[in-house]
Every structure is written in C-alpha cells, then in structure tokens.
Amino acid sequence: MAEKSAPSTRDRIVAVSARLIQRQGYVGTGIKQIAKEAEATLGSVYHFFPGGKESVAVAAIGHSAEEFSLMLREGLAGGGDPGAAVERCAVELAVALRESGWTDGCPVTAAALETLGTDSEIQRVCADALRAWEGIVESRFLEAGFTAEDARELATTVISTLEGAEVTAQVTRSEEPLRAAGRQLARLVGSYGG
C-alpha cells in the first residue's frame, strides 16, 4: 500500500481556513492567522490566493461543502428507509458537534450569515453548497420512489432543518435540537411512503 503524501501548502491553507471559518466565522478569521496555522508564509497564501481573504474563504467553503456532501452521500447510501437515513445524518452531526466542544458548526452557514446582503463570491459559493446538498438528498428520495416535486421540497426541508438545528445545537450546547430534528424529519419523510 502506498504511503499517503503530506498535504501541499495550498491544501493546508484551505483545510486550516475551513476549520478557522467553522470556528470563528469569516469576519473573525485573518490571513495572518491562516498563514501561521497552516505553517505557510503570507507570500505563499497570496501566491495561491491572489484575491486575498475572500479567495481563500471561497476555496475553504468549497472544501467544507464537499466534506459535508461526502457525509450526506455516505449517510443516505443504500436502500432501506430514507427517513431513517436522514435521522442517522442528524445524529452524526450532533455527535460530531458535541465532540468538537460545540465549535465545529457549519462553515457554510457561518460565512453565509456574515456576508448577507452582499453579492459576493462567498454568497455564491454558499448558495451553491446548499443547492448541492439539497440535490444529494433529492436524489436519494427519487431513488426511493418519491415524486419529483415531493423529493425536491423534502430535500429543501431536510437541509434547511439540519442547518437550523445545527446552529441551535451549538448555541444551546446540546445534541437534542439535531436529534429531535432527525426524528421529526424521519417521521415527515416516512409519511410520504415513497
């Protein structure tokens, strides 16, 4: 088995930025801190991201969005009850949030809320992430035999509910908002009987 190589400087910058935005938000994360924690020079940050902080944030949000997409795909994979699969995803989010000390919420939500009302690249990448997640859930519901309209609307409801429950769980420092959302989403999805 081949040994995995160390991440490139660019990859370290993106991963560190994603974690910092997740924990501190976009506004609270500075280029100098990113460089320091990524063990990179400021020059290398600007080399890879000539657009500065916004450019780094866009890449970091894309990275985080893909990580969440992977969790969704894995959580929703396979046959069986799609409602139970949604509930499993909610529980996985709850456990991960608790294990992070309530700090590792959704960086997409954090960045989106901090840049509301702007026509920024950050807003666009956040909107793209939300649409992609809805698409993953919608595909799972279509595979389960739901109508196109039901699959689309339920997918929007699932992602909106999980995002809101995650913020509530962070604020209250409790898994229960996500666990309750998962249970209720499972009941809702089950009521459609795909």
Protein backbone atom coordinates (compact mmCIF):
# COMPACT_ATOMS: atom_id res chain seq x y z
CA MET A 1 0.00 0.00 0.00
CA ALA A 2 1.40 3.38 -0.99
CA GLU A 3 2.09 5.89 1.74
CA LYS A 4 -0.09 8.99 1.63
CA SER A 5 1.93 12.10 0.93
CA ALA A 6 1.74 15.18 3.15
CA PRO A 7 -0.80 17.78 2.04
CA SER A 8 0.50 20.52 -0.21
CA THR A 9 0.89 24.04 1.11
CA ARG A 10 -2.25 25.08 -0.78
CA ASP A 11 -4.22 22.16 0.67
CA ARG A 12 -3.03 23.02 4.20
CA ILE A 13 -4.10 26.63 3.71
CA VAL A 14 -7.55 25.55 2.53
CA ALA A 15 -8.06 22.99 5.33
CA VAL A 16 -6.89 25.38 8.04
CA SER A 17 -9.06 28.17 6.63
CA ALA A 18 -12.09 25.88 6.59
CA ARG A 19 -11.54 24.95 10.25
CA LEU A 20 -10.98 28.57 11.30
CA ILE A 21 -14.06 29.83 9.46
CA GLN A 22 -16.04 26.98 11.01
CA ARG A 23 -14.93 28.03 14.50
CA GLN A 24 -14.50 31.81 14.22
CA GLY A 25 -16.54 32.79 11.20
CA TYR A 26 -15.32 34.59 8.10
CA VAL A 27 -15.03 38.00 9.74
CA GLY A 28 -13.08 36.64 12.72
CA THR A 29 -10.53 34.80 10.60
CA GLY A 30 -7.49 36.72 9.39
CA ILE A 31 -4.91 35.99 6.71
CA LYS A 32 -2.02 36.13 9.20
CA GLN A 33 -3.68 33.54 11.43
CA ILE A 34 -4.37 31.31 8.42
CA ALA A 35 -0.74 31.52 7.33
CA LYS A 36 0.56 30.82 10.83
CA GLU A 37 -1.69 27.83 11.49
CA ALA A 38 -1.11 26.40 8.00
CA GLU A 39 2.65 26.75 8.56
CA ALA A 40 2.86 28.87 5.42
CA THR A 41 4.22 32.29 4.67
CA LEU A 42 1.94 35.21 3.90
CA GLY A 43 3.58 35.27 0.49
CA SER A 44 2.54 31.70 -0.22
CA VAL A 45 -1.05 32.43 0.86
CA TYR A 46 -1.18 35.32 -1.61
CA HIS A 47 0.61 33.23 -4.24
CA PHE A 48 -2.12 30.57 -4.16
CA PHE A 49 -4.92 33.06 -3.46
CA PRO A 50 -4.12 36.39 -5.14
CA GLY A 51 -7.64 37.58 -4.26
CA GLY A 52 -6.73 37.55 -0.57
CA LYS A 53 -9.02 36.56 2.25
CA GLU A 54 -12.18 36.25 0.16
CA SER A 55 -10.41 33.98 -2.32
CA VAL A 56 -9.12 31.76 0.50
CA ALA A 57 -12.59 31.67 2.07
CA VAL A 58 -14.22 30.63 -1.20
CA ALA A 59 -11.82 27.68 -1.50
CA ALA A 60 -12.28 26.80 2.18
CA ILE A 61 -16.07 26.88 1.93
CA GLY A 62 -15.91 24.69 -1.17
CA HIS A 63 -13.70 22.25 0.75
CA SER A 64 -16.12 22.16 3.70
CA ALA A 65 -19.10 21.82 1.38
CA GLU A 66 -17.52 18.78 -0.23
CA GLU A 67 -16.81 17.21 3.17
CA PHE A 68 -20.47 17.65 4.14
CA SER A 69 -21.55 16.28 0.76
CA LEU A 70 -19.49 13.16 1.42
CA MET A 71 -21.09 12.71 4.86
CA LEU A 72 -24.54 13.10 3.31
CA ARG A 73 -23.81 10.63 0.49
CA GLU A 74 -22.47 8.06 2.94
CA GLY A 75 -25.29 8.62 5.43
CA LEU A 76 -28.00 8.35 2.80
CA ALA A 77 -26.41 5.49 0.81
CA GLY A 78 -28.04 2.16 0.23
CA GLY A 79 -31.58 1.01 0.21
CA GLY A 80 -33.88 0.97 3.15
CA ASP A 81 -35.87 3.68 4.81
CA PRO A 82 -34.81 7.13 3.57
CA GLY A 83 -36.27 8.74 6.70
CA ALA A 84 -34.05 6.59 8.92
CA ALA A 85 -31.08 7.58 6.75
CA VAL A 86 -31.85 11.27 7.29
CA GLU A 87 -32.10 10.67 11.03
CA ARG A 88 -28.71 8.92 11.01
CA CYS A 89 -27.21 12.00 9.34
CA ALA A 90 -28.70 14.26 12.03
CA VAL A 91 -27.29 12.05 14.79
CA GLU A 92 -23.87 12.02 13.13
CA LEU A 93 -23.91 15.83 13.02
CA ALA A 94 -24.98 16.00 16.68
CA VAL A 95 -22.20 13.70 17.86
CA ALA A 96 -19.54 15.49 15.80
CA LEU A 97 -20.66 18.87 17.11
CA ARG A 98 -20.56 17.68 20.73
CA GLU A 99 -17.16 16.06 20.24
CA SER A 100 -15.82 19.38 18.89
CA GLY A 101 -16.85 21.17 22.08
CA TRP A 102 -19.71 22.83 20.15
CA THR A 103 -17.25 24.78 17.99
CA ASP A 104 -17.33 22.93 14.66
CA GLY A 105 -20.62 24.07 13.21
CA CYS A 106 -21.27 24.57 9.54
CA PRO A 107 -18.76 26.96 7.96
CA VAL A 108 -21.11 27.50 5.04
CA THR A 109 -23.82 28.82 7.34
CA ALA A 110 -21.34 30.93 9.32
CA ALA A 111 -19.88 32.56 6.21
CA ALA A 112 -23.27 32.99 4.57
CA LEU A 113 -24.76 34.78 7.57
CA GLU A 114 -21.77 37.11 7.87
CA THR A 115 -21.97 38.17 4.24
CA LEU A 116 -25.75 38.51 3.88
CA GLY A 117 -26.87 41.32 1.63
CA THR A 118 -23.71 41.22 -0.46
CA ASP A 119 -23.33 39.97 -3.97
CA SER A 120 -20.05 38.33 -3.11
CA GLU A 121 -18.35 35.19 -4.33
CA ILE A 122 -18.76 33.89 -0.77
CA GLN A 123 -22.55 34.20 -1.01
CA ARG A 124 -22.48 32.40 -4.36
CA VAL A 125 -20.35 29.51 -3.12
CA CYS A 126 -22.56 29.15 -0.02
CA ALA A 127 -25.71 29.07 -2.14
CA ASP A 128 -24.09 26.51 -4.45
CA ALA A 129 -23.22 24.34 -1.45
CA LEU A 130 -26.78 24.41 -0.13
CA ARG A 131 -28.18 23.56 -3.57
CA ALA A 132 -25.69 20.69 -3.95
CA TRP A 133 -26.68 19.24 -0.58
CA GLU A 134 -30.34 19.51 -1.49
CA GLY A 135 -29.52 17.70 -4.73
CA ILE A 136 -27.91 14.81 -2.86
CA VAL A 137 -30.95 14.40 -0.62
CA GLU A 138 -33.34 14.84 -3.55
CA SER A 139 -31.56 12.09 -5.49
CA ARG A 140 -31.92 9.71 -2.54
CA PHE A 141 -35.63 10.45 -2.32
CA LEU A 142 -36.08 9.96 -6.06
CA GLU A 143 -34.32 6.58 -5.77
CA ALA A 144 -36.82 5.71 -3.02
CA GLY A 145 -39.70 6.37 -5.42
CA PHE A 146 -40.81 9.84 -4.34
CA THR A 147 -42.33 12.13 -6.95
CA ALA A 148 -40.00 14.80 -8.32
CA GLU A 149 -41.90 17.60 -6.58
CA ASP A 150 -42.01 15.80 -3.22
CA ALA A 151 -38.33 14.84 -3.47
CA ARG A 152 -37.31 18.43 -4.23
CA GLU A 153 -39.42 20.01 -1.47
CA LEU A 154 -38.47 17.41 1.12
CA ALA A 155 -34.79 17.83 0.27
CA THR A 156 -35.05 21.58 0.82
CA THR A 157 -36.83 20.95 4.12
CA VAL A 158 -34.21 18.43 5.26
CA ILE A 159 -31.23 20.68 4.55
CA SER A 160 -32.92 23.79 5.97
CA THR A 161 -33.92 21.93 9.11
CA LEU A 162 -30.50 20.34 9.66
CA GLU A 163 -28.74 23.68 9.18
CA GLY A 164 -31.05 25.44 11.63
CA ALA A 165 -30.88 22.61 14.15
CA GLU A 166 -27.09 22.65 13.98
CA VAL A 167 -26.97 26.33 14.88
CA THR A 168 -29.47 25.78 17.69
CA ALA A 169 -27.43 22.83 19.00
CA GLN A 170 -24.30 24.99 19.02
CA VAL A 171 -25.97 27.83 20.87
CA THR A 172 -27.62 25.57 23.46
CA ARG A 173 -24.62 23.21 23.66
CA SER A 174 -26.95 20.26 23.30
CA GLU A 175 -27.32 17.42 20.81
CA GLU A 176 -31.08 17.42 21.29
CA PRO A 177 -32.00 20.01 18.62
CA LEU A 178 -30.30 17.88 15.96
CA ARG A 179 -31.58 14.60 17.36
CA ALA A 180 -35.15 15.96 17.59
CA ALA A 181 -34.90 17.37 14.06
CA GLY A 182 -33.69 13.98 12.84
CA ARG A 183 -36.59 12.16 14.48
CA GLN A 184 -39.15 14.60 13.11
CA LEU A 185 -37.63 14.59 9.63
CA ALA A 186 -37.75 10.78 9.65
CA ARG A 187 -41.45 10.93 10.51
CA LEU A 188 -42.08 13.51 7.81
CA VAL A 189 -40.20 11.57 5.15
CA GLY A 190 -41.93 8.36 6.24
CA SER A 191 -45.33 9.99 5.81
CA TYR A 192 -44.68 10.19 2.06
CA GLY A 193 -44.09 6.45 1.84
CA GLY A 194 -42.03 6.71 -1.39
